[in-house]
Amino acid sequence: MTIDERIERLTARHEALAQSVELTARTVHEISGQIAELKTQARETQNQLETLIGIVGTLAAIVNTHQQRLERIEGQ
């Protein structure tokens, strides 16, 4: 194998590696965007869950108050 052939092989490998790195970088960039979007959705879901927990707590307090009133009425 001549030096020119070796240089040609190395050049071809270099180009293939460069393309591979470029593709990997693009993929990482896309995945990073998807992760950021998922984090935003997770925060929104967490906020909705916290709101729902508050509503359920309020409803539980209302039910408890009504239960106490019924018990008082039944006790009279």
N, C-alpha and C. Protein backbone atom coordinates (compact mmCIF):
# COMPACT_ATOMS: atom_id res chain seq x y z
N MET A 1 0.86 -1.18 0.00
CA MET A 1 0.00 0.00 0.00
C MET A 1 0.90 1.23 0.00
N THR A 2 0.61 2.14 -0.90
CA THR A 2 1.43 3.34 -1.02
C THR A 2 0.99 4.38 0.01
N ILE A 3 1.81 5.39 0.15
CA ILE A 3 1.49 6.48 1.08
C ILE A 3 0.22 7.19 0.63
N ASP A 4 0.06 7.37 -0.67
CA ASP A 4 -1.15 8.03 -1.18
C ASP A 4 -2.40 7.23 -0.83
N GLU A 5 -2.30 5.91 -0.95
CA GLU A 5 -3.45 5.06 -0.60
C GLU A 5 -3.76 5.15 0.89
N ARG A 6 -2.73 5.18 1.70
CA ARG A 6 -2.93 5.32 3.15
C ARG A 6 -3.58 6.65 3.49
N ILE A 7 -3.08 7.70 2.85
CA ILE A 7 -3.66 9.04 3.08
C ILE A 7 -5.12 9.05 2.64
N GLU A 8 -5.40 8.41 1.53
CA GLU A 8 -6.77 8.35 1.03
C GLU A 8 -7.67 7.60 2.02
N ARG A 9 -7.18 6.49 2.55
CA ARG A 9 -7.95 5.72 3.55
C ARG A 9 -8.17 6.55 4.81
N LEU A 10 -7.12 7.22 5.26
CA LEU A 10 -7.25 8.05 6.46
C LEU A 10 -8.23 9.20 6.23
N THR A 11 -8.19 9.77 5.03
CA THR A 11 -9.12 10.85 4.70
C THR A 11 -10.55 10.34 4.71
N ALA A 12 -10.76 9.16 4.14
CA ALA A 12 -12.10 8.57 4.11
C ALA A 12 -12.58 8.29 5.54
N ARG A 13 -11.71 7.75 6.38
CA ARG A 13 -12.06 7.50 7.78
C ARG A 13 -12.37 8.79 8.51
N HIS A 14 -11.57 9.81 8.25
CA HIS A 14 -11.77 11.10 8.89
C HIS A 14 -13.14 11.66 8.52
N GLU A 15 -13.50 11.58 7.24
CA GLU A 15 -14.80 12.07 6.78
C GLU A 15 -15.94 11.28 7.42
N ALA A 16 -15.77 9.96 7.51
CA ALA A 16 -16.80 9.13 8.12
C ALA A 16 -16.96 9.48 9.60
N LEU A 17 -15.85 9.68 10.29
CA LEU A 17 -15.91 10.07 11.71
C LEU A 17 -16.54 11.44 11.88
N ALA A 18 -16.20 12.36 11.00
CA ALA A 18 -16.78 13.70 11.08
C ALA A 18 -18.30 13.64 10.90
N GLN A 19 -18.75 12.84 9.95
CA GLN A 19 -20.19 12.69 9.74
C GLN A 19 -20.86 12.04 10.95
N SER A 20 -20.19 11.06 11.51
CA SER A 20 -20.72 10.37 12.69
C SER A 20 -20.84 11.33 13.87
N VAL A 21 -19.82 12.14 14.07
CA VAL A 21 -19.84 13.11 15.16
C VAL A 21 -20.94 14.15 14.93
N GLU A 22 -21.10 14.59 13.71
CA GLU A 22 -22.13 15.57 13.39
C GLU A 22 -23.52 14.99 13.65
N LEU A 23 -23.74 13.75 13.22
CA LEU A 23 -25.02 13.08 13.44
C LEU A 23 -25.27 12.90 14.94
N THR A 24 -24.25 12.50 15.66
CA THR A 24 -24.38 12.33 17.12
C THR A 24 -24.69 13.66 17.79
N ALA A 25 -24.04 14.71 17.38
CA ALA A 25 -24.29 16.03 17.96
C ALA A 25 -25.73 16.47 17.69
N ARG A 26 -26.21 16.24 16.48
CA ARG A 26 -27.60 16.58 16.15
C ARG A 26 -28.58 15.79 17.01
N THR A 27 -28.30 14.51 17.16
CA THR A 27 -29.16 13.64 17.97
C THR A 27 -29.18 14.11 19.42
N VAL A 28 -28.01 14.42 19.95
CA VAL A 28 -27.92 14.90 21.34
C VAL A 28 -28.70 16.21 21.50
N HIS A 29 -28.59 17.08 20.52
CA HIS A 29 -29.31 18.36 20.56
C HIS A 29 -30.83 18.11 20.57
N GLU A 30 -31.29 17.21 19.71
CA GLU A 30 -32.72 16.90 19.65
C GLU A 30 -33.18 16.28 20.97
N ILE A 31 -32.41 15.36 21.49
CA ILE A 31 -32.79 14.71 22.76
C ILE A 31 -32.79 15.72 23.90
N SER A 32 -31.85 16.64 23.89
CA SER A 32 -31.82 17.68 24.92
C SER A 32 -33.09 18.52 24.87
N GLY A 33 -33.53 18.84 23.67
CA GLY A 33 -34.78 19.59 23.52
C GLY A 33 -35.97 18.80 24.04
N GLN A 34 -35.99 17.52 23.75
CA GLN A 34 -37.08 16.66 24.22
C GLN A 34 -37.06 16.56 25.74
N ILE A 35 -35.88 16.46 26.32
CA ILE A 35 -35.76 16.40 27.78
C ILE A 35 -36.27 17.69 28.41
N ALA A 36 -35.91 18.82 27.82
CA ALA A 36 -36.39 20.11 28.34
C ALA A 36 -37.90 20.19 28.28
N GLU A 37 -38.48 19.71 27.18
CA GLU A 37 -39.94 19.70 27.04
C GLU A 37 -40.58 18.79 28.08
N LEU A 38 -39.99 17.63 28.30
CA LEU A 38 -40.52 16.70 29.31
C LEU A 38 -40.43 17.29 30.72
N LYS A 39 -39.36 18.02 30.99
CA LYS A 39 -39.22 18.66 32.30
C LYS A 39 -40.32 19.70 32.50
N THR A 40 -40.61 20.46 31.45
CA THR A 40 -41.68 21.46 31.52
C THR A 40 -43.02 20.78 31.77
N GLN A 41 -43.28 19.70 31.05
CA GLN A 41 -44.53 18.97 31.24
C GLN A 41 -44.60 18.38 32.64
N ALA A 42 -43.48 17.90 33.16
CA ALA A 42 -43.46 17.33 34.51
C ALA A 42 -43.77 18.40 35.55
N ARG A 43 -43.22 19.61 35.36
CA ARG A 43 -43.51 20.71 36.29
C ARG A 43 -44.99 21.07 36.24
N GLU A 44 -45.55 21.13 35.04
CA GLU A 44 -46.97 21.44 34.90
C GLU A 44 -47.83 20.37 35.57
N THR A 45 -47.46 19.11 35.37
CA THR A 45 -48.18 18.01 36.00
C THR A 45 -48.08 18.09 37.51
N GLN A 46 -46.90 18.42 38.01
CA GLN A 46 -46.69 18.56 39.46
C GLN A 46 -47.58 19.68 40.01
N ASN A 47 -47.64 20.80 39.30
CA ASN A 47 -48.49 21.91 39.74
C ASN A 47 -49.96 21.51 39.75
N GLN A 48 -50.39 20.79 38.72
CA GLN A 48 -51.78 20.34 38.66
C GLN A 48 -52.08 19.36 39.79
N LEU A 49 -51.13 18.48 40.06
CA LEU A 49 -51.31 17.51 41.14
C LEU A 49 -51.41 18.21 42.49
N GLU A 50 -50.56 19.20 42.71
CA GLU A 50 -50.62 19.95 43.97
C GLU A 50 -51.96 20.67 44.11
N THR A 51 -52.46 21.22 43.01
CA THR A 51 -53.78 21.87 43.03
C THR A 51 -54.86 20.86 43.37
N LEU A 52 -54.80 19.70 42.73
CA LEU A 52 -55.78 18.65 42.98
C LEU A 52 -55.73 18.18 44.42
N ILE A 53 -54.56 18.03 44.97
CA ILE A 53 -54.41 17.62 46.37
C ILE A 53 -55.06 18.66 47.29
N GLY A 54 -54.86 19.92 46.98
CA GLY A 54 -55.50 20.99 47.76
C GLY A 54 -57.01 20.92 47.69
N ILE A 55 -57.54 20.68 46.50
CA ILE A 55 -58.99 20.58 46.32
C ILE A 55 -59.54 19.39 47.10
N VAL A 56 -58.87 18.25 47.02
CA VAL A 56 -59.32 17.07 47.75
C VAL A 56 -59.28 17.33 49.26
N GLY A 57 -58.26 18.02 49.72
CA GLY A 57 -58.18 18.37 51.14
C GLY A 57 -59.34 19.26 51.55
N THR A 58 -59.68 20.22 50.73
CA THR A 58 -60.82 21.10 51.01
C THR A 58 -62.12 20.30 51.05
N LEU A 59 -62.30 19.41 50.07
CA LEU A 59 -63.50 18.57 50.05
C LEU A 59 -63.57 17.68 51.28
N ALA A 60 -62.45 17.14 51.69
CA ALA A 60 -62.42 16.30 52.90
C ALA A 60 -62.83 17.10 54.12
N ALA A 61 -62.39 18.34 54.21
CA ALA A 61 -62.77 19.19 55.34
C ALA A 61 -64.26 19.48 55.31
N ILE A 62 -64.82 19.71 54.14
CA ILE A 62 -66.26 19.97 54.00
C ILE A 62 -67.05 18.74 54.42
N VAL A 63 -66.62 17.57 53.94
CA VAL A 63 -67.29 16.32 54.30
C VAL A 63 -67.23 16.11 55.81
N ASN A 64 -66.08 16.37 56.40
CA ASN A 64 -65.92 16.21 57.84
C ASN A 64 -66.87 17.15 58.60
N THR A 65 -66.98 18.38 58.15
CA THR A 65 -67.87 19.35 58.78
C THR A 65 -69.33 18.89 58.68
N HIS A 66 -69.73 18.43 57.51
CA HIS A 66 -71.09 17.94 57.33
C HIS A 66 -71.36 16.70 58.20
N GLN A 67 -70.38 15.83 58.28
CA GLN A 67 -70.52 14.63 59.11
C GLN A 67 -70.73 15.02 60.58
N GLN A 68 -69.98 15.99 61.06
CA GLN A 68 -70.12 16.44 62.44
C GLN A 68 -71.51 17.04 62.66
N ARG A 69 -72.01 17.82 61.70
CA ARG A 69 -73.35 18.41 61.81
C ARG A 69 -74.40 17.31 61.88
N LEU A 70 -74.27 16.30 61.00
CA LEU A 70 -75.23 15.19 61.01
C LEU A 70 -75.22 14.47 62.36
N GLU A 71 -74.02 14.25 62.88
CA GLU A 71 -73.91 13.57 64.17
C GLU A 71 -74.56 14.40 65.28
N ARG A 72 -74.40 15.72 65.22
CA ARG A 72 -75.03 16.59 66.22
C ARG A 72 -76.54 16.54 66.09
N ILE A 73 -77.03 16.58 64.84
CA ILE A 73 -78.47 16.55 64.63
C ILE A 73 -79.06 15.22 65.10
N GLU A 74 -78.36 14.12 64.76
CA GLU A 74 -78.84 12.80 65.17
C GLU A 74 -78.77 12.63 66.69
N GLY A 75 -77.87 13.31 67.35
CA GLY A 75 -77.70 13.21 68.81
C GLY A 75 -78.75 14.00 69.57
N GLN A 76 -79.46 14.88 68.94
CA GLN A 76 -80.44 15.72 69.65
C GLN A 76 -81.72 15.00 69.91
